[in-house]
Amino acid sequence: MENKVDDRSQASRYQKLNITDFMTIGIFFVIITLVGTVVAFVGITPVTFVMVSPLQGLVLGIPTMLFYSKVKKPGMLLITAILSGAFSLLMALGPYHLIVGVLLAVVAELVLWSGQYKSVRNSIIAYMLTSIAITANYIPLFFATRSYILNSDMAGKYSEGMARGMTEIGERGFVMYAVIVGATAVTSLLGGILGKKVFDKHFRRAGIV
């Protein structure tokens, strides 16, 4: 009986996040955010602006899957999602990324947990889910287009042409937003597969197959 209690106690301690876990979260959050920000610079025209999240889904698969190879406990994805959402708030992109990101991170946590943190397939699916969260930053553009263009002073910060182009794209509404979400889901699956191939040795060493 005492052995069973000790085993449960040890398992409980193992599941708790420690300083190493928080350091891992912090390091990869910085790396992923920096790479994602660099990729976002392609969005300098209305057309390329809506391509940012699908492109990020593909490119960020490499560093993010390395991060996932080190995720063995609940909570790591959720904390990362909160940090990413908070960064979007600081960048004046609104609360949508934070809200959607937290909800999808909870689902992604369950996906990893259901595979006992040893399933490559589940890791790729979890990455796809968390990648979709970035598309939430497009919500104001597609569902409150004119107020978004006005409040962001797009004409003043960029040009009248940019403002007109963004307005035309934004007024396509739900259909265009659904296309972006779908494209991001596809590219993030491809990015997850690519990241797994690049860091295959890390996954095997971590017992993820």
N, C-alpha and C. Protein backbone atom coordinates (compact mmCIF):
# COMPACT_ATOMS: atom_id res chain seq x y z
N MET A 1 0.83 -1.20 0.00
CA MET A 1 0.00 0.00 0.00
C MET A 1 0.86 1.25 0.00
N GLU A 2 1.91 1.25 0.85
CA GLU A 2 2.80 2.40 0.94
C GLU A 2 3.54 2.62 -0.37
N ASN A 3 3.92 1.48 -1.04
CA ASN A 3 4.61 1.59 -2.31
C ASN A 3 3.74 2.27 -3.36
N LYS A 4 2.43 1.92 -3.37
CA LYS A 4 1.51 2.53 -4.32
C LYS A 4 1.38 4.03 -4.07
N VAL A 5 1.32 4.42 -2.80
CA VAL A 5 1.24 5.84 -2.45
C VAL A 5 2.49 6.56 -2.89
N ASP A 6 3.66 5.93 -2.66
CA ASP A 6 4.93 6.54 -3.07
C ASP A 6 5.00 6.69 -4.58
N ASP A 7 4.51 5.67 -5.31
CA ASP A 7 4.52 5.72 -6.76
C ASP A 7 3.65 6.86 -7.27
N ARG A 8 2.48 7.03 -6.66
CA ARG A 8 1.59 8.11 -7.06
C ARG A 8 2.22 9.45 -6.74
N SER A 9 2.88 9.51 -5.59
CA SER A 9 3.53 10.76 -5.19
C SER A 9 4.65 11.13 -6.16
N GLN A 10 5.46 10.14 -6.56
CA GLN A 10 6.54 10.38 -7.49
C GLN A 10 5.99 10.79 -8.87
N ALA A 11 4.90 10.13 -9.29
CA ALA A 11 4.27 10.47 -10.57
C ALA A 11 3.76 11.89 -10.54
N SER A 12 3.17 12.29 -9.39
CA SER A 12 2.65 13.65 -9.25
C SER A 12 3.77 14.67 -9.35
N ARG A 13 4.92 14.37 -8.69
CA ARG A 13 6.05 15.29 -8.75
C ARG A 13 6.60 15.38 -10.17
N TYR A 14 6.58 14.26 -10.87
CA TYR A 14 7.11 14.22 -12.23
C TYR A 14 6.28 15.09 -13.17
N GLN A 15 4.97 15.14 -12.91
CA GLN A 15 4.09 15.90 -13.78
C GLN A 15 4.17 17.40 -13.54
N LYS A 16 4.72 17.82 -12.41
CA LYS A 16 4.81 19.25 -12.11
C LYS A 16 5.92 19.89 -12.93
N LEU A 17 5.62 21.06 -13.46
CA LEU A 17 6.62 21.79 -14.23
C LEU A 17 7.72 22.28 -13.31
N ASN A 18 8.97 22.15 -13.76
CA ASN A 18 10.11 22.62 -12.97
C ASN A 18 10.84 23.74 -13.70
N ILE A 19 11.92 24.19 -13.13
CA ILE A 19 12.65 25.32 -13.69
C ILE A 19 13.17 25.02 -15.10
N THR A 20 13.56 23.77 -15.33
CA THR A 20 14.04 23.37 -16.66
C THR A 20 12.93 23.51 -17.69
N ASP A 21 11.72 23.09 -17.30
CA ASP A 21 10.57 23.21 -18.21
C ASP A 21 10.29 24.67 -18.55
N PHE A 22 10.32 25.53 -17.55
CA PHE A 22 10.05 26.95 -17.78
C PHE A 22 11.15 27.59 -18.63
N MET A 23 12.39 27.15 -18.43
CA MET A 23 13.48 27.65 -19.27
C MET A 23 13.29 27.21 -20.72
N THR A 24 12.86 25.95 -20.90
CA THR A 24 12.60 25.44 -22.25
C THR A 24 11.50 26.25 -22.92
N ILE A 25 10.43 26.51 -22.18
CA ILE A 25 9.33 27.32 -22.72
C ILE A 25 9.83 28.70 -23.11
N GLY A 26 10.60 29.33 -22.23
CA GLY A 26 11.09 30.67 -22.49
C GLY A 26 12.00 30.75 -23.71
N ILE A 27 12.93 29.81 -23.80
CA ILE A 27 13.89 29.81 -24.92
C ILE A 27 13.17 29.61 -26.24
N PHE A 28 12.27 28.63 -26.30
CA PHE A 28 11.59 28.37 -27.57
C PHE A 28 10.56 29.44 -27.89
N PHE A 29 9.97 30.05 -26.88
CA PHE A 29 9.05 31.16 -27.15
C PHE A 29 9.78 32.29 -27.85
N VAL A 30 10.96 32.61 -27.36
CA VAL A 30 11.76 33.68 -27.96
C VAL A 30 12.15 33.32 -29.40
N ILE A 31 12.64 32.09 -29.59
CA ILE A 31 13.05 31.66 -30.93
C ILE A 31 11.88 31.69 -31.90
N ILE A 32 10.77 31.10 -31.50
CA ILE A 32 9.60 31.01 -32.37
C ILE A 32 9.04 32.40 -32.67
N THR A 33 9.02 33.27 -31.66
CA THR A 33 8.51 34.63 -31.86
C THR A 33 9.39 35.42 -32.80
N LEU A 34 10.70 35.29 -32.66
CA LEU A 34 11.63 36.01 -33.54
C LEU A 34 11.48 35.55 -34.99
N VAL A 35 11.45 34.23 -35.17
CA VAL A 35 11.30 33.69 -36.53
C VAL A 35 9.96 34.10 -37.12
N GLY A 36 8.91 34.00 -36.32
CA GLY A 36 7.58 34.39 -36.78
C GLY A 36 7.50 35.86 -37.15
N THR A 37 8.18 36.70 -36.39
CA THR A 37 8.19 38.14 -36.68
C THR A 37 8.91 38.43 -37.99
N VAL A 38 10.03 37.74 -38.22
CA VAL A 38 10.77 37.90 -39.48
C VAL A 38 9.88 37.50 -40.66
N VAL A 39 9.19 36.37 -40.53
CA VAL A 39 8.31 35.91 -41.60
C VAL A 39 7.19 36.92 -41.85
N ALA A 40 6.71 37.57 -40.78
CA ALA A 40 5.60 38.52 -40.91
C ALA A 40 5.95 39.73 -41.76
N PHE A 41 7.25 39.99 -41.94
CA PHE A 41 7.65 41.13 -42.76
C PHE A 41 7.29 40.97 -44.23
N VAL A 42 6.92 39.75 -44.64
CA VAL A 42 6.50 39.57 -46.04
C VAL A 42 5.15 40.25 -46.28
N GLY A 43 4.41 40.54 -45.20
CA GLY A 43 3.07 41.12 -45.33
C GLY A 43 3.08 42.60 -45.59
N ILE A 44 3.83 43.04 -46.59
CA ILE A 44 3.94 44.47 -46.88
C ILE A 44 2.97 44.92 -47.96
N THR A 45 2.22 43.98 -48.52
CA THR A 45 1.16 44.31 -49.48
C THR A 45 -0.11 43.60 -49.03
N PRO A 46 -1.27 44.03 -49.49
CA PRO A 46 -2.52 43.35 -49.10
C PRO A 46 -2.52 41.86 -49.40
N VAL A 47 -1.97 41.49 -50.56
CA VAL A 47 -1.95 40.07 -50.95
C VAL A 47 -1.03 39.26 -50.04
N THR A 48 0.19 39.76 -49.83
CA THR A 48 1.12 39.01 -48.99
C THR A 48 0.74 39.06 -47.51
N PHE A 49 -0.03 40.08 -47.13
CA PHE A 49 -0.47 40.18 -45.73
C PHE A 49 -1.29 38.97 -45.32
N VAL A 50 -2.18 38.52 -46.19
CA VAL A 50 -3.02 37.37 -45.85
C VAL A 50 -2.29 36.05 -46.01
N MET A 51 -1.05 36.12 -46.53
CA MET A 51 -0.25 34.90 -46.68
C MET A 51 0.67 34.66 -45.49
N VAL A 52 0.68 35.61 -44.54
CA VAL A 52 1.63 35.52 -43.43
C VAL A 52 1.41 34.28 -42.58
N SER A 53 0.19 34.05 -42.13
CA SER A 53 -0.04 32.92 -41.22
C SER A 53 0.18 31.56 -41.90
N PRO A 54 -0.23 31.36 -43.17
CA PRO A 54 0.12 30.09 -43.82
C PRO A 54 1.62 29.89 -43.94
N LEU A 55 2.35 30.97 -44.25
CA LEU A 55 3.80 30.86 -44.37
C LEU A 55 4.43 30.58 -43.01
N GLN A 56 3.91 31.22 -41.96
CA GLN A 56 4.42 30.95 -40.62
C GLN A 56 4.16 29.51 -40.22
N GLY A 57 3.00 28.99 -40.59
CA GLY A 57 2.68 27.60 -40.28
C GLY A 57 3.71 26.63 -40.85
N LEU A 58 4.20 26.94 -42.05
CA LEU A 58 5.21 26.09 -42.69
C LEU A 58 6.59 26.26 -42.05
N VAL A 59 7.03 27.51 -41.94
CA VAL A 59 8.39 27.80 -41.46
C VAL A 59 8.56 27.47 -39.98
N LEU A 60 7.58 27.81 -39.17
CA LEU A 60 7.71 27.61 -37.72
C LEU A 60 7.59 26.15 -37.31
N GLY A 61 7.22 25.28 -38.26
CA GLY A 61 7.16 23.86 -37.94
C GLY A 61 8.51 23.32 -37.50
N ILE A 62 9.60 23.89 -38.02
CA ILE A 62 10.93 23.37 -37.69
C ILE A 62 11.30 23.64 -36.23
N PRO A 63 11.31 24.91 -35.76
CA PRO A 63 11.65 25.12 -34.35
C PRO A 63 10.59 24.60 -33.39
N THR A 64 9.31 24.69 -33.79
CA THR A 64 8.25 24.27 -32.88
C THR A 64 8.25 22.76 -32.65
N MET A 65 8.53 21.98 -33.68
CA MET A 65 8.56 20.54 -33.49
C MET A 65 9.74 20.12 -32.62
N LEU A 66 10.84 20.87 -32.68
CA LEU A 66 11.95 20.60 -31.76
C LEU A 66 11.48 20.86 -30.33
N PHE A 67 10.72 21.92 -30.13
CA PHE A 67 10.15 22.22 -28.81
C PHE A 67 9.23 21.08 -28.36
N TYR A 68 8.39 20.60 -29.28
CA TYR A 68 7.45 19.54 -28.93
C TYR A 68 8.16 18.24 -28.54
N SER A 69 9.36 18.03 -29.08
CA SER A 69 10.10 16.82 -28.71
C SER A 69 10.54 16.87 -27.25
N LYS A 70 10.48 18.05 -26.65
CA LYS A 70 10.87 18.22 -25.26
C LYS A 70 9.67 18.37 -24.32
N VAL A 71 8.47 18.39 -24.89
CA VAL A 71 7.26 18.53 -24.08
C VAL A 71 6.83 17.16 -23.56
N LYS A 72 6.87 17.01 -22.25
CA LYS A 72 6.51 15.73 -21.63
C LYS A 72 5.48 15.90 -20.50
N LYS A 73 5.07 17.15 -20.27
CA LYS A 73 4.17 17.41 -19.16
C LYS A 73 3.05 18.34 -19.58
N PRO A 74 1.88 18.21 -18.95
CA PRO A 74 0.77 19.13 -19.25
C PRO A 74 1.12 20.56 -18.84
N GLY A 75 0.63 21.50 -19.61
CA GLY A 75 0.77 22.91 -19.26
C GLY A 75 1.77 23.67 -20.09
N MET A 76 2.71 22.98 -20.72
CA MET A 76 3.76 23.67 -21.46
C MET A 76 3.21 24.38 -22.70
N LEU A 77 2.29 23.74 -23.40
CA LEU A 77 1.70 24.39 -24.57
C LEU A 77 0.79 25.54 -24.16
N LEU A 78 0.07 25.36 -23.07
CA LEU A 78 -0.84 26.39 -22.59
C LEU A 78 -0.08 27.65 -22.19
N ILE A 79 1.02 27.48 -21.48
CA ILE A 79 1.84 28.64 -21.08
C ILE A 79 2.39 29.35 -22.31
N THR A 80 2.85 28.57 -23.29
CA THR A 80 3.37 29.16 -24.52
C THR A 80 2.29 29.94 -25.26
N ALA A 81 1.07 29.41 -25.27
CA ALA A 81 -0.05 30.10 -25.93
C ALA A 81 -0.37 31.41 -25.22
N ILE A 82 -0.31 31.41 -23.90
CA ILE A 82 -0.57 32.63 -23.15
C ILE A 82 0.49 33.69 -23.46
N LEU A 83 1.74 33.26 -23.52
CA LEU A 83 2.83 34.19 -23.85
C LEU A 83 2.66 34.75 -25.26
N SER A 84 2.29 33.90 -26.21
CA SER A 84 2.11 34.35 -27.60
C SER A 84 0.94 35.33 -27.70
N GLY A 85 -0.15 35.03 -27.00
CA GLY A 85 -1.30 35.92 -27.01
C GLY A 85 -0.99 37.25 -26.36
N ALA A 86 -0.20 37.20 -25.27
CA ALA A 86 0.20 38.44 -24.59
C ALA A 86 1.09 39.29 -25.50
N PHE A 87 1.94 38.63 -26.28
CA PHE A 87 2.80 39.36 -27.22
C PHE A 87 1.95 40.06 -28.28
N SER A 88 0.90 39.39 -28.77
CA SER A 88 0.00 40.02 -29.73
C SER A 88 -0.69 41.24 -29.13
N LEU A 89 -1.06 41.13 -27.85
CA LEU A 89 -1.67 42.28 -27.16
C LEU A 89 -0.69 43.44 -27.11
N LEU A 90 0.56 43.16 -26.79
CA LEU A 90 1.57 44.21 -26.72
C LEU A 90 1.81 44.85 -28.09
N MET A 91 1.61 44.07 -29.14
CA MET A 91 1.77 44.57 -30.50
C MET A 91 0.50 45.24 -31.02
N ALA A 92 -0.47 45.44 -30.12
CA ALA A 92 -1.74 46.11 -30.44
C ALA A 92 -2.55 45.35 -31.49
N LEU A 93 -2.47 44.02 -31.46
CA LEU A 93 -3.22 43.21 -32.41
C LEU A 93 -4.55 42.72 -31.84
N GLY A 94 -4.86 43.13 -30.61
CA GLY A 94 -6.12 42.75 -30.01
C GLY A 94 -6.05 41.46 -29.20
N PRO A 95 -7.16 41.11 -28.53
CA PRO A 95 -7.16 39.94 -27.63
C PRO A 95 -7.50 38.62 -28.31
N TYR A 96 -7.78 38.67 -29.61
CA TYR A 96 -8.29 37.47 -30.29
C TYR A 96 -7.30 36.32 -30.27
N HIS A 97 -6.03 36.63 -30.52
CA HIS A 97 -5.00 35.59 -30.53
C HIS A 97 -4.91 34.93 -29.16
N LEU A 98 -4.99 35.73 -28.10
CA LEU A 98 -4.90 35.18 -26.75
C LEU A 98 -6.07 34.25 -26.46
N ILE A 99 -7.27 34.69 -26.78
CA ILE A 99 -8.47 33.90 -26.48
C ILE A 99 -8.49 32.60 -27.27
N VAL A 100 -8.34 32.73 -28.59
CA VAL A 100 -8.36 31.55 -29.46
C VAL A 100 -7.17 30.64 -29.17
N GLY A 101 -6.01 31.25 -28.92
CA GLY A 101 -4.80 30.48 -28.66
C GLY A 101 -4.91 29.62 -27.42
N VAL A 102 -5.50 30.17 -26.36
CA VAL A 102 -5.66 29.41 -25.12
C VAL A 102 -6.61 28.24 -25.34
N LEU A 103 -7.72 28.49 -26.02
CA LEU A 103 -8.69 27.41 -26.28
C LEU A 103 -8.07 26.29 -27.11
N LEU A 104 -7.36 26.65 -28.16
CA LEU A 104 -6.74 25.63 -29.01
C LEU A 104 -5.59 24.93 -28.30
N ALA A 105 -4.89 25.65 -27.43
CA ALA A 105 -3.79 25.04 -26.68
C ALA A 105 -4.31 23.97 -25.73
N VAL A 106 -5.47 24.22 -25.14
CA VAL A 106 -6.08 23.21 -24.25
C VAL A 106 -6.38 21.93 -25.04
N VAL A 107 -6.94 22.10 -26.24
CA VAL A 107 -7.22 20.93 -27.09
C VAL A 107 -5.91 20.24 -27.48
N ALA A 108 -4.90 21.03 -27.83
CA ALA A 108 -3.60 20.47 -28.22
C ALA A 108 -2.96 19.72 -27.05
N GLU A 109 -3.12 20.25 -25.85
CA GLU A 109 -2.62 19.57 -24.65
C GLU A 109 -3.26 18.19 -24.52
N LEU A 110 -4.56 18.13 -24.76
CA LEU A 110 -5.27 16.85 -24.66
C LEU A 110 -4.81 15.88 -25.75
N VAL A 111 -4.51 16.41 -26.92
CA VAL A 111 -4.03 15.57 -28.01
C VAL A 111 -2.69 14.94 -27.64
N LEU A 112 -1.77 15.76 -27.12
CA LEU A 112 -0.46 15.22 -26.71
C LEU A 112 -0.63 14.23 -25.56
N TRP A 113 -1.47 14.57 -24.60
CA TRP A 113 -1.69 13.69 -23.44
C TRP A 113 -2.28 12.35 -23.88
N SER A 114 -3.20 12.39 -24.86
CA SER A 114 -3.83 11.13 -25.31
C SER A 114 -2.82 10.20 -25.96
N GLY A 115 -1.75 10.78 -26.49
CA GLY A 115 -0.68 9.97 -27.07
C GLY A 115 0.45 9.71 -26.11
N GLN A 116 0.22 10.06 -24.83
CA GLN A 116 1.21 9.86 -23.76
C GLN A 116 2.54 10.55 -24.09
N TYR A 117 2.47 11.63 -24.87
CA TYR A 117 3.65 12.42 -25.24
C TYR A 117 4.69 11.58 -26.00
N LYS A 118 4.21 10.54 -26.67
CA LYS A 118 5.12 9.65 -27.41
C LYS A 118 4.68 9.42 -28.85
N SER A 119 3.73 10.23 -29.31
CA SER A 119 3.19 10.03 -30.65
C SER A 119 3.58 11.20 -31.57
N VAL A 120 4.30 10.90 -32.64
CA VAL A 120 4.66 11.93 -33.62
C VAL A 120 3.40 12.48 -34.27
N ARG A 121 2.48 11.60 -34.61
CA ARG A 121 1.23 12.05 -35.25
C ARG A 121 0.50 13.04 -34.37
N ASN A 122 0.40 12.74 -33.08
CA ASN A 122 -0.29 13.65 -32.16
C ASN A 122 0.46 14.96 -32.03
N SER A 123 1.78 14.91 -32.06
CA SER A 123 2.58 16.14 -31.97
C SER A 123 2.32 17.04 -33.17
N ILE A 124 2.23 16.45 -34.36
CA ILE A 124 1.97 17.22 -35.57
C ILE A 124 0.57 17.82 -35.54
N ILE A 125 -0.40 17.04 -35.07
CA ILE A 125 -1.77 17.54 -34.95
C ILE A 125 -1.83 18.69 -33.94
N ALA A 126 -1.13 18.52 -32.83
CA ALA A 126 -1.10 19.57 -31.81
C ALA A 126 -0.48 20.85 -32.36
N TYR A 127 0.58 20.69 -33.15
CA TYR A 127 1.21 21.87 -33.77
C TYR A 127 0.24 22.55 -34.73
N MET A 128 -0.48 21.77 -35.51
CA MET A 128 -1.46 22.33 -36.43
C MET A 128 -2.51 23.16 -35.68
N LEU A 129 -2.99 22.63 -34.56
CA LEU A 129 -4.01 23.33 -33.77
C LEU A 129 -3.48 24.66 -33.24
N THR A 130 -2.28 24.63 -32.68
CA THR A 130 -1.74 25.86 -32.10
C THR A 130 -1.37 26.86 -33.19
N SER A 131 -1.03 26.38 -34.39
CA SER A 131 -0.69 27.28 -35.49
C SER A 131 -1.91 28.07 -35.96
N ILE A 132 -3.08 27.45 -35.92
CA ILE A 132 -4.30 28.12 -36.38
C ILE A 132 -4.59 29.35 -35.53
N ALA A 133 -4.12 29.36 -34.29
CA ALA A 133 -4.41 30.48 -33.38
C ALA A 133 -3.96 31.82 -33.95
N ILE A 134 -2.86 31.83 -34.70
CA ILE A 134 -2.33 33.09 -35.22
C ILE A 134 -3.31 33.74 -36.19
N THR A 135 -4.17 32.93 -36.83
CA THR A 135 -5.14 33.49 -37.77
C THR A 135 -6.17 34.36 -37.06
N ALA A 136 -6.27 34.23 -35.75
CA ALA A 136 -7.22 35.06 -35.00
C ALA A 136 -6.89 36.54 -35.12
N ASN A 137 -5.63 36.86 -35.43
CA ASN A 137 -5.26 38.26 -35.61
C ASN A 137 -5.94 38.89 -36.83
N TYR A 138 -6.46 38.05 -37.73
CA TYR A 138 -7.17 38.55 -38.91
C TYR A 138 -8.63 38.87 -38.63
N ILE A 139 -9.15 38.47 -37.50
CA ILE A 139 -10.58 38.62 -37.21
C ILE A 139 -11.07 40.05 -37.38
N PRO A 140 -10.39 41.06 -36.82
CA PRO A 140 -10.88 42.44 -37.01
C PRO A 140 -10.91 42.86 -38.48
N LEU A 141 -9.93 42.40 -39.27
CA LEU A 141 -9.88 42.77 -40.68
C LEU A 141 -11.09 42.25 -41.44
N PHE A 142 -11.49 41.01 -41.17
CA PHE A 142 -12.56 40.39 -41.95
C PHE A 142 -13.96 40.57 -41.36
N PHE A 143 -14.06 40.91 -40.10
CA PHE A 143 -15.38 41.01 -39.50
C PHE A 143 -15.71 42.42 -38.97
N ALA A 144 -14.74 43.32 -39.06
CA ALA A 144 -14.99 44.73 -38.72
C ALA A 144 -14.04 45.57 -39.58
N THR A 145 -14.15 45.35 -40.88
CA THR A 145 -13.14 45.84 -41.83
C THR A 145 -12.90 47.34 -41.74
N ARG A 146 -13.93 48.12 -41.91
CA ARG A 146 -13.74 49.57 -42.02
C ARG A 146 -13.24 50.19 -40.71
N SER A 147 -13.77 49.71 -39.59
CA SER A 147 -13.29 50.24 -38.31
C SER A 147 -11.84 49.81 -38.05
N TYR A 148 -11.48 48.61 -38.51
CA TYR A 148 -10.10 48.14 -38.36
C TYR A 148 -9.14 49.01 -39.18
N ILE A 149 -9.50 49.28 -40.43
CA ILE A 149 -8.66 50.11 -41.30
C ILE A 149 -8.53 51.51 -40.72
N LEU A 150 -9.63 52.05 -40.23
CA LEU A 150 -9.62 53.41 -39.67
C LEU A 150 -8.83 53.48 -38.37
N ASN A 151 -9.11 52.56 -37.44
CA ASN A 151 -8.45 52.59 -36.13
C ASN A 151 -6.96 52.29 -36.21
N SER A 152 -6.56 51.49 -37.18
CA SER A 152 -5.14 51.17 -37.33
C SER A 152 -4.39 52.24 -38.13
N ASP A 153 -5.14 53.23 -38.64
CA ASP A 153 -4.54 54.33 -39.42
C ASP A 153 -3.65 53.77 -40.53
N MET A 154 -4.20 52.82 -41.25
CA MET A 154 -3.42 52.15 -42.29
C MET A 154 -3.00 53.10 -43.40
N ALA A 155 -3.89 54.04 -43.75
CA ALA A 155 -3.56 55.00 -44.81
C ALA A 155 -2.42 55.90 -44.38
N GLY A 156 -2.42 56.31 -43.11
CA GLY A 156 -1.37 57.19 -42.62
C GLY A 156 -0.05 56.48 -42.42
N LYS A 157 -0.10 55.25 -41.90
CA LYS A 157 1.13 54.50 -41.62
C LYS A 157 1.76 53.94 -42.89
N TYR A 158 0.91 53.59 -43.86
CA TYR A 158 1.43 52.97 -45.08
C TYR A 158 1.10 53.85 -46.29
N SER A 159 -0.08 53.65 -46.87
CA SER A 159 -0.49 54.47 -48.00
C SER A 159 -1.98 54.29 -48.24
N GLU A 160 -2.54 55.18 -49.05
CA GLU A 160 -3.96 55.06 -49.40
C GLU A 160 -4.19 53.78 -50.20
N GLY A 161 -3.22 53.42 -51.04
CA GLY A 161 -3.34 52.20 -51.83
C GLY A 161 -3.39 50.97 -50.95
N MET A 162 -2.56 50.94 -49.93
CA MET A 162 -2.56 49.82 -49.00
C MET A 162 -3.90 49.73 -48.27
N ALA A 163 -4.41 50.88 -47.85
CA ALA A 163 -5.69 50.90 -47.14
C ALA A 163 -6.82 50.41 -48.02
N ARG A 164 -6.83 50.84 -49.28
CA ARG A 164 -7.87 50.39 -50.20
C ARG A 164 -7.77 48.89 -50.47
N GLY A 165 -6.53 48.42 -50.69
CA GLY A 165 -6.34 46.99 -50.94
C GLY A 165 -6.76 46.13 -49.76
N MET A 166 -6.41 46.56 -48.56
CA MET A 166 -6.79 45.82 -47.36
C MET A 166 -8.30 45.83 -47.16
N THR A 167 -8.93 46.96 -47.50
CA THR A 167 -10.39 47.06 -47.38
C THR A 167 -11.07 46.08 -48.34
N GLU A 168 -10.59 46.03 -49.58
CA GLU A 168 -11.16 45.12 -50.57
C GLU A 168 -11.04 43.67 -50.13
N ILE A 169 -9.88 43.31 -49.58
CA ILE A 169 -9.69 41.94 -49.10
C ILE A 169 -10.55 41.67 -47.87
N GLY A 170 -10.55 42.62 -46.94
CA GLY A 170 -11.29 42.44 -45.69
C GLY A 170 -12.78 42.27 -45.92
N GLU A 171 -13.33 42.96 -46.93
CA GLU A 171 -14.76 42.89 -47.18
C GLU A 171 -15.21 41.57 -47.79
N ARG A 172 -14.26 40.72 -48.10
CA ARG A 172 -14.61 39.37 -48.55
C ARG A 172 -15.05 38.49 -47.38
N GLY A 173 -14.79 38.97 -46.17
CA GLY A 173 -15.35 38.40 -44.96
C GLY A 173 -15.03 36.95 -44.66
N PHE A 174 -16.07 36.21 -44.27
CA PHE A 174 -15.91 34.87 -43.74
C PHE A 174 -15.23 33.93 -44.74
N VAL A 175 -15.56 34.05 -46.02
CA VAL A 175 -15.02 33.14 -47.03
C VAL A 175 -13.49 33.24 -47.07
N MET A 176 -12.98 34.48 -47.14
CA MET A 176 -11.53 34.67 -47.19
C MET A 176 -10.88 34.21 -45.88
N TYR A 177 -11.54 34.51 -44.77
CA TYR A 177 -10.97 34.09 -43.47
C TYR A 177 -10.90 32.56 -43.40
N ALA A 178 -11.95 31.89 -43.87
CA ALA A 178 -11.97 30.43 -43.86
C ALA A 178 -10.86 29.86 -44.74
N VAL A 179 -10.58 30.53 -45.87
CA VAL A 179 -9.50 30.09 -46.76
C VAL A 179 -8.16 30.20 -46.04
N ILE A 180 -7.95 31.30 -45.32
CA ILE A 180 -6.69 31.50 -44.60
C ILE A 180 -6.53 30.45 -43.50
N VAL A 181 -7.60 30.19 -42.76
CA VAL A 181 -7.54 29.17 -41.70
C VAL A 181 -7.22 27.81 -42.30
N GLY A 182 -7.91 27.47 -43.39
CA GLY A 182 -7.66 26.19 -44.04
C GLY A 182 -6.24 26.07 -44.58
N ALA A 183 -5.75 27.15 -45.21
CA ALA A 183 -4.39 27.14 -45.75
C ALA A 183 -3.36 27.02 -44.63
N THR A 184 -3.62 27.69 -43.51
CA THR A 184 -2.70 27.61 -42.37
C THR A 184 -2.68 26.20 -41.78
N ALA A 185 -3.85 25.57 -41.73
CA ALA A 185 -3.92 24.19 -41.23
C ALA A 185 -3.09 23.25 -42.10
N VAL A 186 -3.21 23.41 -43.41
CA VAL A 186 -2.47 22.55 -44.35
C VAL A 186 -0.97 22.79 -44.25
N THR A 187 -0.55 24.07 -44.29
CA THR A 187 0.88 24.37 -44.27
C THR A 187 1.51 24.00 -42.93
N SER A 188 0.75 24.11 -41.85
CA SER A 188 1.31 23.74 -40.55
C SER A 188 1.47 22.22 -40.42
N LEU A 189 0.57 21.47 -41.04
CA LEU A 189 0.76 20.01 -41.08
C LEU A 189 2.03 19.67 -41.84
N LEU A 190 2.23 20.36 -42.97
CA LEU A 190 3.46 20.15 -43.75
C LEU A 190 4.68 20.60 -42.96
N GLY A 191 4.54 21.73 -42.26
CA GLY A 191 5.64 22.22 -41.43
C GLY A 191 5.97 21.28 -40.29
N GLY A 192 4.94 20.67 -39.71
CA GLY A 192 5.16 19.71 -38.64
C GLY A 192 5.89 18.47 -39.15
N ILE A 193 5.50 18.00 -40.32
CA ILE A 193 6.18 16.85 -40.92
C ILE A 193 7.63 17.19 -41.23
N LEU A 194 7.84 18.39 -41.78
CA LEU A 194 9.20 18.84 -42.09
C LEU A 194 10.04 18.95 -40.82
N GLY A 195 9.46 19.55 -39.78
CA GLY A 195 10.19 19.68 -38.52
C GLY A 195 10.55 18.34 -37.91
N LYS A 196 9.65 17.37 -38.04
CA LYS A 196 9.93 16.03 -37.52
C LYS A 196 11.08 15.39 -38.28
N LYS A 197 11.10 15.57 -39.60
CA LYS A 197 12.17 14.99 -40.41
C LYS A 197 13.52 15.63 -40.08
N VAL A 198 13.51 16.95 -39.89
CA VAL A 198 14.76 17.65 -39.57
C VAL A 198 15.32 17.21 -38.23
N PHE A 199 14.42 17.01 -37.25
CA PHE A 199 14.87 16.65 -35.90
C PHE A 199 14.47 15.23 -35.53
N ASP A 200 14.53 14.34 -36.51
CA ASP A 200 14.12 12.95 -36.29
C ASP A 200 14.90 12.30 -35.15
N LYS A 201 16.20 12.58 -35.06
CA LYS A 201 17.02 11.99 -34.00
C LYS A 201 16.55 12.44 -32.62
N HIS A 202 16.15 13.68 -32.51
CA HIS A 202 15.66 14.19 -31.22
C HIS A 202 14.38 13.47 -30.80
N PHE A 203 13.48 13.24 -31.78
CA PHE A 203 12.24 12.54 -31.46
C PHE A 203 12.51 11.10 -31.05
N ARG A 204 13.40 10.44 -31.75
CA ARG A 204 13.71 9.05 -31.41
C ARG A 204 14.37 8.98 -30.02
N ARG A 205 15.25 9.92 -29.74
CA ARG A 205 15.90 9.95 -28.44
C ARG A 205 14.90 10.20 -27.32
N ALA A 206 13.85 10.97 -27.65
CA ALA A 206 12.81 11.26 -26.65
C ALA A 206 11.76 10.16 -26.58
N GLY A 207 11.91 9.15 -27.42
CA GLY A 207 10.95 8.04 -27.40
C GLY A 207 9.66 8.36 -28.09
N ILE A 208 9.68 9.35 -29.00
CA ILE A 208 8.46 9.75 -29.73
C ILE A 208 8.53 9.13 -31.11
N VAL A 209 7.56 8.27 -31.43
CA VAL A 209 7.59 7.55 -32.69
C VAL A 209 6.23 7.63 -33.39
